[in-house]
Amino acid sequence: MGRTVSTEDLKAKLDRKESIKVVETLAPERYREAHIPGALNIPPEKIKELAAVVAHQGRRNHHLLR
């Protein structure tokens, strides 16, 4: 699985348009209110069920769970 990155590192990666996968863990209503553009959301109650699936999708190598 990828590693957790700081907010500053994430912003720098997004600014450089690096190929990364951002995963947020917000309740659906919070995600609708505000989220990182392009981020995938896994609601907190689904993390155990879906984290392994998400980690193996795509070719990107950094993950952020907040």
PDB file of N, CA and C in Angstrom:
ATOM      1  N   MET A   1       0.848  -1.169   0.000  1.00  0.00           N
ATOM      2  CA  MET A   1       0.000   0.000   0.000  1.00  0.00           C
ATOM      3  C   MET A   1       0.892   1.230   0.000  1.00  0.00           C
ATOM      4  N   GLY A   2       0.338   2.334  -0.400  1.00  0.00           N
ATOM      5  CA  GLY A   2       1.086   3.588  -0.459  1.00  0.00           C
ATOM      6  C   GLY A   2       1.399   4.129   0.917  1.00  0.00           C
ATOM      7  N   ARG A   3       1.834   5.362   0.934  1.00  0.00           N
ATOM      8  CA  ARG A   3       2.192   5.981   2.211  1.00  0.00           C
ATOM      9  C   ARG A   3       1.350   7.225   2.417  1.00  0.00           C
ATOM     10  N   THR A   4       1.272   7.678   3.636  1.00  0.00           N
ATOM     11  CA  THR A   4       0.562   8.904   3.957  1.00  0.00           C
ATOM     12  C   THR A   4       1.481  10.082   3.696  1.00  0.00           C
ATOM     13  N   VAL A   5       0.946  11.143   3.122  1.00  0.00           N
ATOM     14  CA  VAL A   5       1.736  12.338   2.842  1.00  0.00           C
ATOM     15  C   VAL A   5       1.151  13.511   3.616  1.00  0.00           C
ATOM     16  N   SER A   6       1.990  14.490   3.899  1.00  0.00           N
ATOM     17  CA  SER A   6       1.523  15.677   4.612  1.00  0.00           C
ATOM     18  C   SER A   6       0.674  16.530   3.681  1.00  0.00           C
ATOM     19  N   THR A   7      -0.079  17.443   4.250  1.00  0.00           N
ATOM     20  CA  THR A   7      -0.896  18.370   3.474  1.00  0.00           C
ATOM     21  C   THR A   7      -0.033  19.169   2.513  1.00  0.00           C
ATOM     22  N   GLU A   8       1.116  19.618   2.987  1.00  0.00           N
ATOM     23  CA  GLU A   8       2.022  20.418   2.159  1.00  0.00           C
ATOM     24  C   GLU A   8       2.556  19.592   0.985  1.00  0.00           C
ATOM     25  N   ASP A   9       2.950  18.342   1.261  1.00  0.00           N
ATOM     26  CA  ASP A   9       3.444  17.467   0.195  1.00  0.00           C
ATOM     27  C   ASP A   9       2.344  17.171  -0.821  1.00  0.00           C
ATOM     28  N   LEU A  10       1.140  16.951  -0.336  1.00  0.00           N
ATOM     29  CA  LEU A  10       0.027  16.690  -1.240  1.00  0.00           C
ATOM     30  C   LEU A  10      -0.221  17.881  -2.145  1.00  0.00           C
ATOM     31  N   LYS A  11      -0.262  19.075  -1.574  1.00  0.00           N
ATOM     32  CA  LYS A  11      -0.491  20.274  -2.384  1.00  0.00           C
ATOM     33  C   LYS A  11       0.591  20.416  -3.448  1.00  0.00           C
ATOM     34  N   ALA A  12       1.835  20.193  -3.075  1.00  0.00           N
ATOM     35  CA  ALA A  12       2.940  20.293  -4.029  1.00  0.00           C
ATOM     36  C   ALA A  12       2.769  19.268  -5.153  1.00  0.00           C
ATOM     37  N   LYS A  13       2.390  18.048  -4.814  1.00  0.00           N
ATOM     38  CA  LYS A  13       2.182  17.016  -5.829  1.00  0.00           C
ATOM     39  C   LYS A  13       1.036  17.383  -6.762  1.00  0.00           C
ATOM     40  N   LEU A  14      -0.046  17.890  -6.202  1.00  0.00           N
ATOM     41  CA  LEU A  14      -1.183  18.305  -7.022  1.00  0.00           C
ATOM     42  C   LEU A  14      -0.800  19.481  -7.914  1.00  0.00           C
ATOM     43  N   ASP A  15      -0.054  20.431  -7.364  1.00  0.00           N
ATOM     44  CA  ASP A  15       0.391  21.593  -8.153  1.00  0.00           C
ATOM     45  C   ASP A  15       1.280  21.160  -9.320  1.00  0.00           C
ATOM     46  N   ARG A  16       2.098  20.123  -9.098  1.00  0.00           N
ATOM     47  CA  ARG A  16       2.977  19.614 -10.155  1.00  0.00           C
ATOM     48  C   ARG A  16       2.257  18.650 -11.091  1.00  0.00           C
ATOM     49  N   LYS A  17       0.971  18.410 -10.789  1.00  0.00           N
ATOM     50  CA  LYS A  17       0.145  17.485 -11.576  1.00  0.00           C
ATOM     51  C   LYS A  17       0.743  16.079 -11.630  1.00  0.00           C
ATOM     52  N   GLU A  18       1.311  15.666 -10.486  1.00  0.00           N
ATOM     53  CA  GLU A  18       1.833  14.305 -10.396  1.00  0.00           C
ATOM     54  C   GLU A  18       0.677  13.314 -10.448  1.00  0.00           C
ATOM     55  N   SER A  19       0.970  12.141 -10.907  1.00  0.00           N
ATOM     56  CA  SER A  19      -0.029  11.087 -10.988  1.00  0.00           C
ATOM     57  C   SER A  19      -0.139  10.408  -9.619  1.00  0.00           C
ATOM     58  N   ILE A  20      -1.130  10.802  -8.859  1.00  0.00           N
ATOM     59  CA  ILE A  20      -1.342  10.237  -7.528  1.00  0.00           C
ATOM     60  C   ILE A  20      -2.811   9.874  -7.361  1.00  0.00           C
ATOM     61  N   LYS A  21      -3.065   9.012  -6.412  1.00  0.00           N
ATOM     62  CA  LYS A  21      -4.424   8.630  -6.060  1.00  0.00           C
ATOM     63  C   LYS A  21      -4.687   9.176  -4.664  1.00  0.00           C
ATOM     64  N   VAL A  22      -5.677  10.042  -4.528  1.00  0.00           N
ATOM     65  CA  VAL A  22      -6.032  10.608  -3.236  1.00  0.00           C
ATOM     66  C   VAL A  22      -7.326   9.951  -2.776  1.00  0.00           C
ATOM     67  N   VAL A  23      -7.292   9.400  -1.582  1.00  0.00           N
ATOM     68  CA  VAL A  23      -8.464   8.756  -1.007  1.00  0.00           C
ATOM     69  C   VAL A  23      -8.827   9.502   0.268  1.00  0.00           C
ATOM     70  N   GLU A  24     -10.047  10.005   0.297  1.00  0.00           N
ATOM     71  CA  GLU A  24     -10.543  10.665   1.503  1.00  0.00           C
ATOM     72  C   GLU A  24     -11.474   9.712   2.235  1.00  0.00           C
ATOM     73  N   THR A  25     -11.586   9.903   3.532  1.00  0.00           N
ATOM     74  CA  THR A  25     -12.482   9.073   4.341  1.00  0.00           C
ATOM     75  C   THR A  25     -13.476   9.976   5.047  1.00  0.00           C
ATOM     76  N   LEU A  26     -14.416  10.459   4.275  1.00  0.00           N
ATOM     77  CA  LEU A  26     -15.416  11.390   4.789  1.00  0.00           C
ATOM     78  C   LEU A  26     -16.807  10.781   4.685  1.00  0.00           C
ATOM     79  N   ALA A  27     -17.674  11.164   5.598  1.00  0.00           N
ATOM     80  CA  ALA A  27     -19.077  10.795   5.459  1.00  0.00           C
ATOM     81  C   ALA A  27     -19.578  11.400   4.147  1.00  0.00           C
ATOM     82  N   PRO A  28     -20.488  10.730   3.447  1.00  0.00           N
ATOM     83  CA  PRO A  28     -20.938  11.223   2.148  1.00  0.00           C
ATOM     84  C   PRO A  28     -21.387  12.682   2.147  1.00  0.00           C
ATOM     85  N   GLU A  29     -22.082  13.112   3.173  1.00  0.00           N
ATOM     86  CA  GLU A  29     -22.541  14.511   3.214  1.00  0.00           C
ATOM     87  C   GLU A  29     -21.374  15.492   3.332  1.00  0.00           C
ATOM     88  N   ARG A  30     -20.348  15.126   4.082  1.00  0.00           N
ATOM     89  CA  ARG A  30     -19.142  15.971   4.177  1.00  0.00           C
ATOM     90  C   ARG A  30     -18.400  16.020   2.847  1.00  0.00           C
ATOM     91  N   TYR A  31     -18.316  14.887   2.167  1.00  0.00           N
ATOM     92  CA  TYR A  31     -17.646  14.827   0.869  1.00  0.00           C
ATOM     93  C   TYR A  31     -18.364  15.724  -0.143  1.00  0.00           C
ATOM     94  N   ARG A  32     -19.696  15.714  -0.116  1.00  0.00           N
ATOM     95  CA  ARG A  32     -20.457  16.577  -1.023  1.00  0.00           C
ATOM     96  C   ARG A  32     -20.206  18.048  -0.727  1.00  0.00           C
ATOM     97  N   GLU A  33     -20.015  18.391   0.541  1.00  0.00           N
ATOM     98  CA  GLU A  33     -19.781  19.787   0.935  1.00  0.00           C
ATOM     99  C   GLU A  33     -18.415  20.279   0.468  1.00  0.00           C
ATOM    100  N   ALA A  34     -17.399  19.483   0.655  1.00  0.00           N
ATOM    101  CA  ALA A  34     -16.032  19.895   0.289  1.00  0.00           C
ATOM    102  C   ALA A  34     -15.126  18.679   0.263  1.00  0.00           C
ATOM    103  N   HIS A  35     -14.318  18.591  -0.797  1.00  0.00           N
ATOM    104  CA  HIS A  35     -13.337  17.511  -0.904  1.00  0.00           C
ATOM    105  C   HIS A  35     -12.235  17.949  -1.858  1.00  0.00           C
ATOM    106  N   ILE A  36     -11.181  17.187  -1.868  1.00  0.00           N
ATOM    107  CA  ILE A  36     -10.066  17.455  -2.775  1.00  0.00           C
ATOM    108  C   ILE A  36     -10.520  17.058  -4.177  1.00  0.00           C
ATOM    109  N   PRO A  37     -10.429  17.973  -5.149  1.00  0.00           N
ATOM    110  CA  PRO A  37     -10.861  17.634  -6.506  1.00  0.00           C
ATOM    111  C   PRO A  37     -10.171  16.371  -7.021  1.00  0.00           C
ATOM    112  N   GLY A  38     -10.973  15.473  -7.571  1.00  0.00           N
ATOM    113  CA  GLY A  38     -10.447  14.225  -8.105  1.00  0.00           C
ATOM    114  C   GLY A  38     -10.264  13.122  -7.073  1.00  0.00           C
ATOM    115  N   ALA A  39     -10.501  13.433  -5.806  1.00  0.00           N
ATOM    116  CA  ALA A  39     -10.310  12.438  -4.751  1.00  0.00           C
ATOM    117  C   ALA A  39     -11.417  11.392  -4.776  1.00  0.00           C
ATOM    118  N   LEU A  40     -11.041  10.188  -4.424  1.00  0.00           N
ATOM    119  CA  LEU A  40     -11.983   9.109  -4.224  1.00  0.00           C
ATOM    120  C   LEU A  40     -12.364   9.139  -2.754  1.00  0.00           C
ATOM    121  N   ASN A  41     -13.634   8.904  -2.466  1.00  0.00           N
ATOM    122  CA  ASN A  41     -14.057   8.892  -1.067  1.00  0.00           C
ATOM    123  C   ASN A  41     -14.454   7.484  -0.653  1.00  0.00           C
ATOM    124  N   ILE A  42     -13.940   7.072   0.500  1.00  0.00           N
ATOM    125  CA  ILE A  42     -14.387   5.847   1.143  1.00  0.00           C
ATOM    126  C   ILE A  42     -14.992   6.274   2.479  1.00  0.00           C
ATOM    127  N   PRO A  43     -16.308   6.128   2.644  1.00  0.00           N
ATOM    128  CA  PRO A  43     -16.910   6.490   3.925  1.00  0.00           C
ATOM    129  C   PRO A  43     -16.249   5.709   5.064  1.00  0.00           C
ATOM    130  N   PRO A  44     -16.124   6.330   6.225  1.00  0.00           N
ATOM    131  CA  PRO A  44     -15.414   5.691   7.343  1.00  0.00           C
ATOM    132  C   PRO A  44     -15.865   4.260   7.639  1.00  0.00           C
ATOM    133  N   GLU A  45     -17.152   3.996   7.524  1.00  0.00           N
ATOM    134  CA  GLU A  45     -17.656   2.655   7.854  1.00  0.00           C
ATOM    135  C   GLU A  45     -17.299   1.610   6.791  1.00  0.00           C
ATOM    136  N   LYS A  46     -16.754   2.033   5.649  1.00  0.00           N
ATOM    137  CA  LYS A  46     -16.398   1.110   4.572  1.00  0.00           C
ATOM    138  C   LYS A  46     -14.888   0.922   4.392  1.00  0.00           C
ATOM    139  N   ILE A  47     -14.083   1.567   5.241  1.00  0.00           N
ATOM    140  CA  ILE A  47     -12.627   1.523   5.057  1.00  0.00           C
ATOM    141  C   ILE A  47     -12.089   0.100   5.042  1.00  0.00           C
ATOM    142  N   LYS A  48     -12.420  -0.694   6.028  1.00  0.00           N
ATOM    143  CA  LYS A  48     -11.886  -2.062   6.099  1.00  0.00           C
ATOM    144  C   LYS A  48     -12.284  -2.872   4.867  1.00  0.00           C
ATOM    145  N   GLU A  49     -13.491  -2.657   4.404  1.00  0.00           N
ATOM    146  CA  GLU A  49     -14.009  -3.412   3.269  1.00  0.00           C
ATOM    147  C   GLU A  49     -13.342  -3.010   1.943  1.00  0.00           C
ATOM    148  N   LEU A  50     -13.070  -1.719   1.755  1.00  0.00           N
ATOM    149  CA  LEU A  50     -12.636  -1.224   0.451  1.00  0.00           C
ATOM    150  C   LEU A  50     -11.174  -0.799   0.332  1.00  0.00           C
ATOM    151  N   ALA A  51     -10.478  -0.617   1.425  1.00  0.00           N
ATOM    152  CA  ALA A  51      -9.105  -0.097   1.367  1.00  0.00           C
ATOM    153  C   ALA A  51      -8.180  -0.988   0.533  1.00  0.00           C
ATOM    154  N   ALA A  52      -8.251  -2.278   0.706  1.00  0.00           N
ATOM    155  CA  ALA A  52      -7.374  -3.176  -0.042  1.00  0.00           C
ATOM    156  C   ALA A  52      -7.680  -3.121  -1.536  1.00  0.00           C
ATOM    157  N   VAL A  53      -8.941  -2.996  -1.896  1.00  0.00           N
ATOM    158  CA  VAL A  53      -9.333  -2.914  -3.306  1.00  0.00           C
ATOM    159  C   VAL A  53      -8.762  -1.652  -3.931  1.00  0.00           C
ATOM    160  N   VAL A  54      -8.922  -0.532  -3.255  1.00  0.00           N
ATOM    161  CA  VAL A  54      -8.438   0.744  -3.773  1.00  0.00           C
ATOM    162  C   VAL A  54      -6.922   0.730  -3.892  1.00  0.00           C
ATOM    163  N   ALA A  55      -6.247   0.154  -2.943  1.00  0.00           N
ATOM    164  CA  ALA A  55      -4.781   0.131  -2.949  1.00  0.00           C
ATOM    165  C   ALA A  55      -4.231  -0.610  -4.155  1.00  0.00           C
ATOM    166  N   HIS A  56      -4.960  -1.564  -4.674  1.00  0.00           N
ATOM    167  CA  HIS A  56      -4.473  -2.360  -5.796  1.00  0.00           C
ATOM    168  C   HIS A  56      -4.946  -1.856  -7.150  1.00  0.00           C
ATOM    169  N   GLN A  57      -5.756  -0.832  -7.193  1.00  0.00           N
ATOM    170  CA  GLN A  57      -6.225  -0.285  -8.463  1.00  0.00           C
ATOM    171  C   GLN A  57      -5.258   0.772  -8.973  1.00  0.00           C
ATOM    172  N   GLY A  58      -5.145   0.885 -10.248  1.00  0.00           N
ATOM    173  CA  GLY A  58      -4.337   1.938 -10.851  1.00  0.00           C
ATOM    174  C   GLY A  58      -2.851   1.685 -10.708  1.00  0.00           C
ATOM    175  N   ARG A  59      -2.084   2.636 -11.204  1.00  0.00           N
ATOM    176  CA  ARG A  59      -0.619   2.508 -11.172  1.00  0.00           C
ATOM    177  C   ARG A  59       0.010   3.606 -10.333  1.00  0.00           C
ATOM    178  N   ARG A  60      -0.747   4.256  -9.539  1.00  0.00           N
ATOM    179  CA  ARG A  60      -0.225   5.364  -8.754  1.00  0.00           C
ATOM    180  C   ARG A  60       0.371   4.842  -7.468  1.00  0.00           C
ATOM    181  N   ASN A  61       1.232   5.638  -6.836  1.00  0.00           N
ATOM    182  CA  ASN A  61       1.965   5.084  -5.712  1.00  0.00           C
ATOM    183  C   ASN A  61       1.857   5.859  -4.413  1.00  0.00           C
ATOM    184  N   HIS A  62       1.022   6.862  -4.308  1.00  0.00           N
ATOM    185  CA  HIS A  62       0.855   7.573  -3.046  1.00  0.00           C
ATOM    186  C   HIS A  62      -0.626   7.597  -2.683  1.00  0.00           C
ATOM    187  N   HIS A  63      -0.896   7.407  -1.414  1.00  0.00           N
ATOM    188  CA  HIS A  63      -2.268   7.421  -0.931  1.00  0.00           C
ATOM    189  C   HIS A  63      -2.350   8.350   0.264  1.00  0.00           C
ATOM    190  N   LEU A  64      -3.434   9.040   0.358  1.00  0.00           N
ATOM    191  CA  LEU A  64      -3.653   9.896   1.523  1.00  0.00           C
ATOM    192  C   LEU A  64      -5.007   9.545   2.095  1.00  0.00           C
ATOM    193  N   LEU A  65      -5.042   9.192   3.363  1.00  0.00           N
ATOM    194  CA  LEU A  65      -6.289   8.971   4.081  1.00  0.00           C
ATOM    195  C   LEU A  65      -6.379  10.044   5.150  1.00  0.00           C
ATOM    196  N   ARG A  66      -7.451  10.799   5.124  1.00  0.00           N
ATOM    197  CA  ARG A  66      -7.578  11.816   6.159  1.00  0.00           C
ATOM    198  C   ARG A  66      -8.899  11.692   6.858  1.00  0.00           C
TER     199      ARG A  66
END
